C-alpha atoms as a PDB file:
ATOM      1  CA  UNK A   1      69.410 121.008  50.722  1.00  0.00           C
ATOM      2  CA  UNK A   2      65.681 121.523  53.340  1.00  0.00           C
ATOM      3  CA  UNK A   3      64.431 124.556  53.239  1.00  0.00           C
ATOM      4  CA  UNK A   4      63.752 125.012  57.386  1.00  0.00           C
ATOM      5  CA  UNK A   5      61.701 128.191  55.673  1.00  0.00           C
ATOM      6  CA  UNK A   6      58.538 126.535  57.307  1.00  0.00           C
ATOM      7  CA  UNK A   7      60.103 125.411  60.706  1.00  0.00           C
ATOM      8  CA  UNK A   8      61.726 128.707  61.481  1.00  0.00           C
ATOM      9  CA  UNK A   9      58.171 130.271  60.808  1.00  0.00           C
ATOM     10  CA  UNK A  10      56.362 128.364  62.961  1.00  0.00           C
ATOM     11  CA  UNK A  11      58.348 129.126  65.878  1.00  0.00           C
ATOM     12  CA  UNK A  12      57.059 132.593  66.148  1.00  0.00           C
ATOM     13  CA  UNK A  13      54.125 131.171  67.829  1.00  0.00           C
ATOM     14  CA  UNK A  14      55.840 128.041  69.234  1.00  0.00           C
ATOM     15  CA  UNK A  15      55.715 127.178  73.239  1.00  0.00           C
ATOM     16  CA  UNK A  16      58.989 124.587  72.544  1.00  0.00           C
ATOM     17  CA  UNK A  17      60.420 121.852  70.343  1.00  0.00           C
ATOM     18  CA  UNK A  18      61.100 117.979  71.182  1.00  0.00           C
ATOM     19  CA  UNK A  19      63.076 115.291  69.819  1.00  0.00           C
ATOM     20  CA  UNK A  20      62.211 111.382  70.448  1.00  0.00           C
ATOM     21  CA  UNK A  21      66.142 110.808  70.077  1.00  0.00           C
ATOM     22  CA  UNK A  22      65.817 108.531  66.402  1.00  0.00           C
ATOM     23  CA  UNK A  23      63.263 110.751  63.652  1.00  0.00           C
ATOM     24  CA  UNK A  24      60.700 112.234  65.411  1.00  0.00           C
ATOM     25  CA  UNK A  25      61.026 116.186  65.649  1.00  0.00           C
ATOM     26  CA  UNK A  26      58.270 118.384  66.786  1.00  0.00           C
ATOM     27  CA  UNK A  27      57.168 122.154  66.858  1.00  0.00           C
ATOM     28  CA  UNK A  28      55.219 122.460  69.784  1.00  0.00           C
ATOM     29  CA  UNK A  29      52.286 125.088  69.420  1.00  0.00           C
ATOM     30  CA  UNK A  30      50.093 125.091  72.349  1.00  0.00           C
ATOM     31  CA  UNK A  31      50.359 124.582  76.060  1.00  0.00           C
ATOM     32  CA  UNK A  32      48.685 121.346  75.506  1.00  0.00           C
ATOM     33  CA  UNK A  33      51.175 119.861  73.590  1.00  0.00           C
ATOM     34  CA  UNK A  34      54.067 120.741  75.559  1.00  0.00           C
ATOM     35  CA  UNK A  35      51.991 118.376  78.463  1.00  0.00           C
ATOM     36  CA  UNK A  36      51.112 115.703  76.833  1.00  0.00           C
ATOM     37  CA  UNK A  37      54.722 114.972  75.626  1.00  0.00           C
ATOM     38  CA  UNK A  38      55.836 115.465  78.445  1.00  0.00           C
ATOM     39  CA  UNK A  39      53.451 112.661  79.552  1.00  0.00           C
ATOM     40  CA  UNK A  40      54.981 110.469  76.551  1.00  0.00           C
ATOM     41  CA  UNK A  41      58.243 110.684  78.263  1.00  0.00           C
ATOM     42  CA  UNK A  42      60.131 113.477  75.732  1.00  0.00           C
ATOM     43  CA  UNK A  43      62.674 114.796  78.317  1.00  0.00           C
ATOM     44  CA  UNK A  44      62.970 112.230  80.498  1.00  0.00           C
ATOM     45  CA  UNK A  45      64.272 109.591  78.628  1.00  0.00           C
ATOM     46  CA  UNK A  46      67.172 108.749  77.693  1.00  0.00           C
ATOM     47  CA  UNK A  47      68.368 111.232  74.530  1.00  0.00           C
ATOM     48  CA  UNK A  48      64.861 112.084  74.471  1.00  0.00           C
ATOM     49  CA  UNK A  49      64.476 116.639  75.194  1.00  0.00           C
ATOM     50  CA  UNK A  50      61.490 118.353  75.582  1.00  0.00           C
ATOM     51  CA  UNK A  51      62.872 122.198  75.785  1.00  0.00           C
ATOM     52  CA  UNK A  52      60.662 125.396  76.353  1.00  0.00           C
ATOM     53  CA  UNK A  53      60.616 128.623  74.415  1.00  0.00           C
ATOM     54  CA  UNK A  54      60.965 130.246  77.897  1.00  0.00           C
ATOM     55  CA  UNK A  55      64.164 129.056  78.004  1.00  0.00           C
ATOM     56  CA  UNK A  56      65.522 129.085  74.232  1.00  0.00           C
ATOM     57  CA  UNK A  57      65.289 131.910  71.632  1.00  0.00           C
ATOM     58  CA  UNK A  58      63.854 131.612  68.830  1.00  0.00           C
ATOM     59  CA  UNK A  59      67.387 131.277  67.370  1.00  0.00           C
ATOM     60  CA  UNK A  60      68.065 128.336  69.216  1.00  0.00           C
ATOM     61  CA  UNK A  61      65.473 126.533  68.613  1.00  0.00           C
ATOM     62  CA  UNK A  62      65.851 126.792  64.992  1.00  0.00           C
ATOM     63  CA  UNK A  63      69.895 125.409  65.826  1.00  0.00           C
ATOM     64  CA  UNK A  64      68.538 122.787  68.078  1.00  0.00           C
ATOM     65  CA  UNK A  65      66.105 121.966  65.507  1.00  0.00           C
ATOM     66  CA  UNK A  66      68.676 122.148  62.256  1.00  0.00           C
ATOM     67  CA  UNK A  67      70.649 120.123  64.552  1.00  0.00           C
ATOM     68  CA  UNK A  68      68.525 117.494  65.898  1.00  0.00           C
ATOM     69  CA  UNK A  69      67.464 116.744  61.678  1.00  0.00           C
ATOM     70  CA  UNK A  70      70.676 117.113  61.065  1.00  0.00           C
ATOM     71  CA  UNK A  71      71.570 113.821  63.438  1.00  0.00           C
ATOM     72  CA  UNK A  72      67.952 111.902  62.641  1.00  0.00           C
ATOM     73  CA  UNK A  73      68.080 108.980  61.161  1.00  0.00           C
ATOM     74  CA  UNK A  74      66.807 108.398  57.633  1.00  0.00           C
ATOM     75  CA  UNK A  75      63.352 108.573  58.739  1.00  0.00           C
ATOM     76  CA  UNK A  76      63.070 112.220  59.868  1.00  0.00           C
ATOM     77  CA  UNK A  77      60.698 114.397  59.775  1.00  0.00           C
ATOM     78  CA  UNK A  78      59.647 118.137  61.333  1.00  0.00           C
ATOM     79  CA  UNK A  79      55.995 118.827  62.061  1.00  0.00           C
ATOM     80  CA  UNK A  80      54.096 121.246  64.029  1.00  0.00           C
ATOM     81  CA  UNK A  81      51.867 120.452  66.520  1.00  0.00           C
ATOM     82  CA  UNK A  82      47.916 121.813  67.390  1.00  0.00           C
ATOM     83  CA  UNK A  83      45.405 121.015  69.900  1.00  0.00           C
ATOM     84  CA  UNK A  84      42.760 120.476  67.614  1.00  0.00           C
ATOM     85  CA  UNK A  85      39.099 119.877  69.037  1.00  0.00           C
ATOM     86  CA  UNK A  86      37.307 116.345  67.455  1.00  0.00           C
ATOM     87  CA  UNK A  87      40.167 114.287  65.557  1.00  0.00           C
ATOM     88  CA  UNK A  88      43.584 115.314  67.338  1.00  0.00           C
ATOM     89  CA  UNK A  89      45.297 114.166  63.497  1.00  0.00           C
ATOM     90  CA  UNK A  90      44.302 117.348  62.221  1.00  0.00           C
ATOM     91  CA  UNK A  91      46.339 119.621  64.656  1.00  0.00           C
ATOM     92  CA  UNK A  92      49.965 118.461  62.951  1.00  0.00           C
ATOM     93  CA  UNK A  93      50.798 120.104  60.139  1.00  0.00           C
ATOM     94  CA  UNK A  94      54.012 119.121  58.307  1.00  0.00           C
ATOM     95  CA  UNK A  95      56.893 121.614  58.420  1.00  0.00           C
ATOM     96  CA  UNK A  96      59.506 119.275  56.497  1.00  0.00           C
ATOM     97  CA  UNK A  97      57.694 116.441  55.606  1.00  0.00           C
ATOM     98  CA  UNK A  98      59.235 112.500  56.101  1.00  0.00           C
ATOM     99  CA  UNK A  99      61.801 112.022  52.936  1.00  0.00           C
ATOM    100  CA  UNK A 100      61.793 115.778  52.207  1.00  0.00           C
ATOM    101  CA  UNK A 101      65.656 114.827  51.568  1.00  0.00           C
ATOM    102  CA  UNK A 102      65.846 111.498  50.271  1.00  0.00           C
ATOM    103  CA  UNK A 103      67.210 111.392  46.623  1.00  0.00           C
ATOM    104  CA  UNK A 104      65.289 110.759  43.762  1.00  0.00           C
ATOM    105  CA  UNK A 105      65.994 106.757  43.101  1.00  0.00           C
ATOM    106  CA  UNK A 106      68.049 106.604  40.013  1.00  0.00           C
ATOM    107  CA  UNK A 107      66.784 103.510  38.417  1.00  0.00           C
ATOM    108  CA  UNK A 108      63.756 105.366  37.271  1.00  0.00           C
ATOM    109  CA  UNK A 109      64.285 107.191  34.354  1.00  0.00           C
ATOM    110  CA  UNK A 110      65.491 103.722  33.041  1.00  0.00           C
ATOM    111  CA  UNK A 111      63.031 102.636  31.495  1.00  0.00           C
ATOM    112  CA  UNK A 112      62.275 105.453  29.337  1.00  0.00           C
ATOM    113  CA  UNK A 113      65.143 104.241  27.457  1.00  0.00           C
ATOM    114  CA  UNK A 114      64.384 101.321  26.466  1.00  0.00           C
ATOM    115  CA  UNK A 115      63.395 100.613  22.396  1.00  0.00           C
ATOM    116  CA  UNK A 116      59.587  99.411  23.199  1.00  0.00           C
ATOM    117  CA  UNK A 117      60.098  96.831  20.263  1.00  0.00           C
ATOM    118  CA  UNK A 118      62.132  94.652  22.742  1.00  0.00           C
ATOM    119  CA  UNK A 119      58.747  93.466  24.762  1.00  0.00           C
END
């Protein structure tokens, strides 16, 4: 089960949320990120969404994020995004990392049980 605690905490200061309709889910922390997502077509392209904190309560945004996450493909993640001067990649924070809900490889422990004399 995925823990939404970090996502819920980020929503306290969020300006909005965005979803590409497949697996990219963002909590947008400032007006610049809201504007940037709009220029990328979020909310205009079919199946994508750009929702503002002005129109949704924090509880509604959390419910929406949980639904988007549940309905996403297996590559899903939720990132918090803030505008950072310099390297824009520094503005991305994993709230729910990609692969957070992937099952561990069941065969991983198979090699630990084999006798060394077989080699």
